[in-house]
Each structure stands twice: as structure tokens, then as C-alpha cells.
Amino acid sequence: MFVFRLDTRSGVPPYLQLVQQVRQAVLLGFLQPGDRLPLIREVVEDLAINPNTVAKAYRQMEQENLVTGRPGQGTFVNEQQSAAMSPSTYTSLRRGLATWLRRAYDAGLDEQAVNALFTSVHQQTRNEDVA
């Protein structure tokens, strides 16, 4: 079963963290169409957060057509327009990124510098692909 986690130091509102985690899990293939998300009360118990926060996240995901709530049954992942990546592609990309991160930290970059470098290259690459 899918398990949520919260980073209280991230500055990202808890409900958005939950939404982002489901988006990423679907994109990476960890959540498949038809998979049930934990019940709101289960998330509240696990994370010790306000039920309204979890309900807000679930509403947001429904509005984005990421999930569908079924009364009395739970909330389920919808079929997505873009297919999730294959496990082998995910594994290969993850290994490459982990190697890159180790090299960046070994070179003396801190987390903020790594994020800035990644964001810069990401934006540049995306702009090149659009042009």
C-alpha cells in the first residue's frame, strides 16, 4: 500500500506534498490505475495531521483527474494520459542521477547549489527542446 510522508522543513504546504507524492508515484509507475490510496483517516493517523488537510489534497487530486473518489470504497488512481516509464528506464535514470549527485556533493556543492544547478540545466534543456 502507498504510504505518504511529510517534510516539515520543506516549506511546501502538507496538502501539496501529498498531491506531489501521488503525482510522482503515478509518473514513476509506483501507483497504477485502479490502485487505492489510503483512506483519509489512515493518512491522518499515520501522519498526525488535520483531516481537512488530507481531504484538501484528495479534492485537489480529483480536480486534476488524477484520482476518483468512490463513496464507501475509497479513492482510486485514474488511467493517465501519459504512460508511466518502464521499471528498467526508471532504474537506469535513477542510477545516473545518483552518480551525478555523488559527484556534485564530492565536488563540494551543498543541497542548495545542487538544486540551483539542476534547475538551471533543466530549464535550459527544456528551452532548447522547445526552440
Protein backbone atom coordinates (compact mmCIF):
# COMPACT_ATOMS: atom_id res chain seq x y z
CA MET A 1 0.00 0.00 0.00
CA PHE A 2 1.11 3.54 -0.74
CA VAL A 3 2.49 5.44 2.25
CA PHE A 4 2.65 9.22 2.49
CA ARG A 5 5.40 11.12 4.27
CA LEU A 6 5.78 14.78 5.19
CA ASP A 7 8.82 17.02 5.27
CA THR A 8 8.07 19.71 7.84
CA ARG A 9 11.21 21.64 6.81
CA SER A 10 10.39 21.90 3.10
CA GLY A 11 8.19 24.98 3.28
CA VAL A 12 5.69 23.21 0.99
CA PRO A 13 2.17 23.02 2.46
CA PRO A 14 1.35 19.50 3.65
CA TYR A 15 -1.60 19.07 1.28
CA LEU A 16 0.62 19.91 -1.70
CA GLN A 17 3.24 17.43 -0.51
CA LEU A 18 0.58 14.71 -0.58
CA VAL A 19 -0.54 15.72 -4.09
CA GLN A 20 3.04 15.84 -5.36
CA GLN A 21 3.80 12.40 -3.92
CA VAL A 22 0.85 10.84 -5.73
CA ARG A 23 1.73 12.64 -9.00
CA GLN A 24 5.30 11.34 -8.77
CA ALA A 25 4.25 7.82 -7.81
CA VAL A 26 1.91 7.65 -10.82
CA LEU A 27 4.53 9.08 -13.15
CA LEU A 28 7.16 6.62 -11.95
CA GLY A 29 4.77 3.68 -12.06
CA PHE A 30 4.65 3.05 -8.31
CA LEU A 31 0.91 3.69 -8.41
CA GLN A 32 -1.09 2.06 -11.20
CA PRO A 33 -4.60 2.82 -12.48
CA GLY A 34 -7.10 1.28 -10.08
CA ASP A 35 -4.77 1.35 -7.06
CA ARG A 36 -6.48 2.59 -3.91
CA LEU A 37 -4.96 5.41 -1.92
CA PRO A 38 -5.01 5.14 1.87
CA LEU A 39 -8.25 6.28 3.44
CA ILE A 40 -8.23 9.85 4.76
CA ARG A 41 -8.47 8.60 8.34
CA GLU A 42 -5.49 6.28 7.75
CA VAL A 43 -3.37 9.17 6.47
CA VAL A 44 -4.47 11.33 9.42
CA GLU A 45 -3.45 8.59 11.87
CA ASP A 46 -0.13 7.86 10.14
CA LEU A 47 0.97 11.49 9.75
CA ALA A 48 -0.82 13.07 12.72
CA ILE A 49 -2.24 15.89 10.59
CA ASN A 50 -5.60 17.58 10.30
CA PRO A 51 -8.24 15.59 8.38
CA ASN A 52 -9.13 18.74 6.44
CA THR A 53 -5.56 18.88 5.11
CA VAL A 54 -5.80 15.35 3.72
CA ALA A 55 -9.30 15.98 2.36
CA LYS A 56 -8.00 19.11 0.60
CA ALA A 57 -5.20 17.08 -1.03
CA TYR A 58 -7.65 14.41 -2.19
CA ARG A 59 -10.01 17.08 -3.59
CA GLN A 60 -7.09 18.67 -5.45
CA MET A 61 -6.14 15.31 -6.96
CA GLU A 62 -9.75 14.72 -8.01
CA GLN A 63 -9.90 18.17 -9.65
CA GLU A 64 -6.72 17.28 -11.57
CA ASN A 65 -8.38 14.00 -12.62
CA LEU A 66 -5.53 12.10 -11.01
CA VAL A 67 -7.86 10.08 -8.77
CA THR A 68 -11.55 9.34 -8.33
CA GLY A 69 -13.33 9.01 -5.01
CA ARG A 70 -15.88 6.22 -4.76
CA PRO A 71 -18.25 6.64 -1.80
CA GLY A 72 -17.88 3.80 0.65
CA GLN A 73 -14.92 2.30 -1.25
CA GLY A 74 -12.08 4.81 -1.18
CA THR A 75 -10.05 6.89 -3.61
CA PHE A 76 -8.56 5.25 -6.69
CA VAL A 77 -5.90 6.20 -9.22
CA ASN A 78 -7.27 7.05 -12.66
CA GLU A 79 -5.91 5.97 -16.03
CA GLN A 80 -3.40 8.64 -17.08
CA GLN A 81 -2.92 10.25 -20.48
CA SER A 82 0.84 9.67 -20.50
CA ALA A 83 2.16 6.24 -19.69
CA ALA A 84 4.44 5.68 -16.73
CA MET A 85 8.05 4.89 -17.51
CA SER A 86 9.24 1.31 -17.56
CA PRO A 87 10.99 -0.03 -14.48
CA SER A 88 14.24 -0.50 -16.42
CA THR A 89 14.19 3.11 -17.61
CA TYR A 90 13.47 4.31 -14.10
CA THR A 91 16.31 2.22 -12.66
CA SER A 92 18.78 3.44 -15.27
CA LEU A 93 17.85 7.11 -14.83
CA ARG A 94 17.92 6.79 -11.05
CA ARG A 95 21.41 5.27 -11.10
CA GLY A 96 22.68 8.00 -13.41
CA LEU A 97 21.19 10.72 -11.24
CA ALA A 98 22.59 9.15 -8.06
CA THR A 99 26.05 9.07 -9.64
CA TRP A 100 25.72 12.70 -10.69
CA LEU A 101 24.59 13.73 -7.19
CA ARG A 102 27.52 11.94 -5.54
CA ARG A 103 29.91 13.74 -7.90
CA ALA A 104 28.26 17.09 -7.14
CA TYR A 105 28.48 16.59 -3.36
CA ASP A 106 32.04 15.27 -3.64
CA ALA A 107 32.90 18.46 -5.55
CA GLY A 108 31.74 20.47 -2.53
CA LEU A 109 28.28 21.58 -3.63
CA ASP A 110 25.66 21.80 -0.90
CA GLU A 111 21.96 20.95 -1.38
CA GLN A 112 21.04 24.50 -2.37
CA ALA A 113 23.79 24.62 -5.01
CA VAL A 114 22.82 21.18 -6.35
CA ASN A 115 19.19 22.28 -6.65
CA ALA A 116 20.19 25.52 -8.36
CA LEU A 117 22.44 23.71 -10.84
CA PHE A 118 19.81 21.08 -11.61
CA THR A 119 17.08 23.70 -12.07
CA SER A 120 19.29 25.79 -14.34
CA VAL A 121 20.23 22.87 -16.57
CA HIS A 122 16.66 21.57 -16.56
CA GLN A 123 15.28 24.93 -17.72
CA GLN A 124 17.98 25.35 -20.35
CA THR A 125 17.41 21.86 -21.72
CA ARG A 126 13.64 22.31 -21.77
CA ASN A 127 14.02 25.64 -23.59
CA GLU A 128 16.33 24.04 -26.17
CA ASP A 129 13.80 21.27 -26.79
CA VAL A 130 11.00 23.83 -27.31
CA ALA A 131 13.01 26.01 -29.69
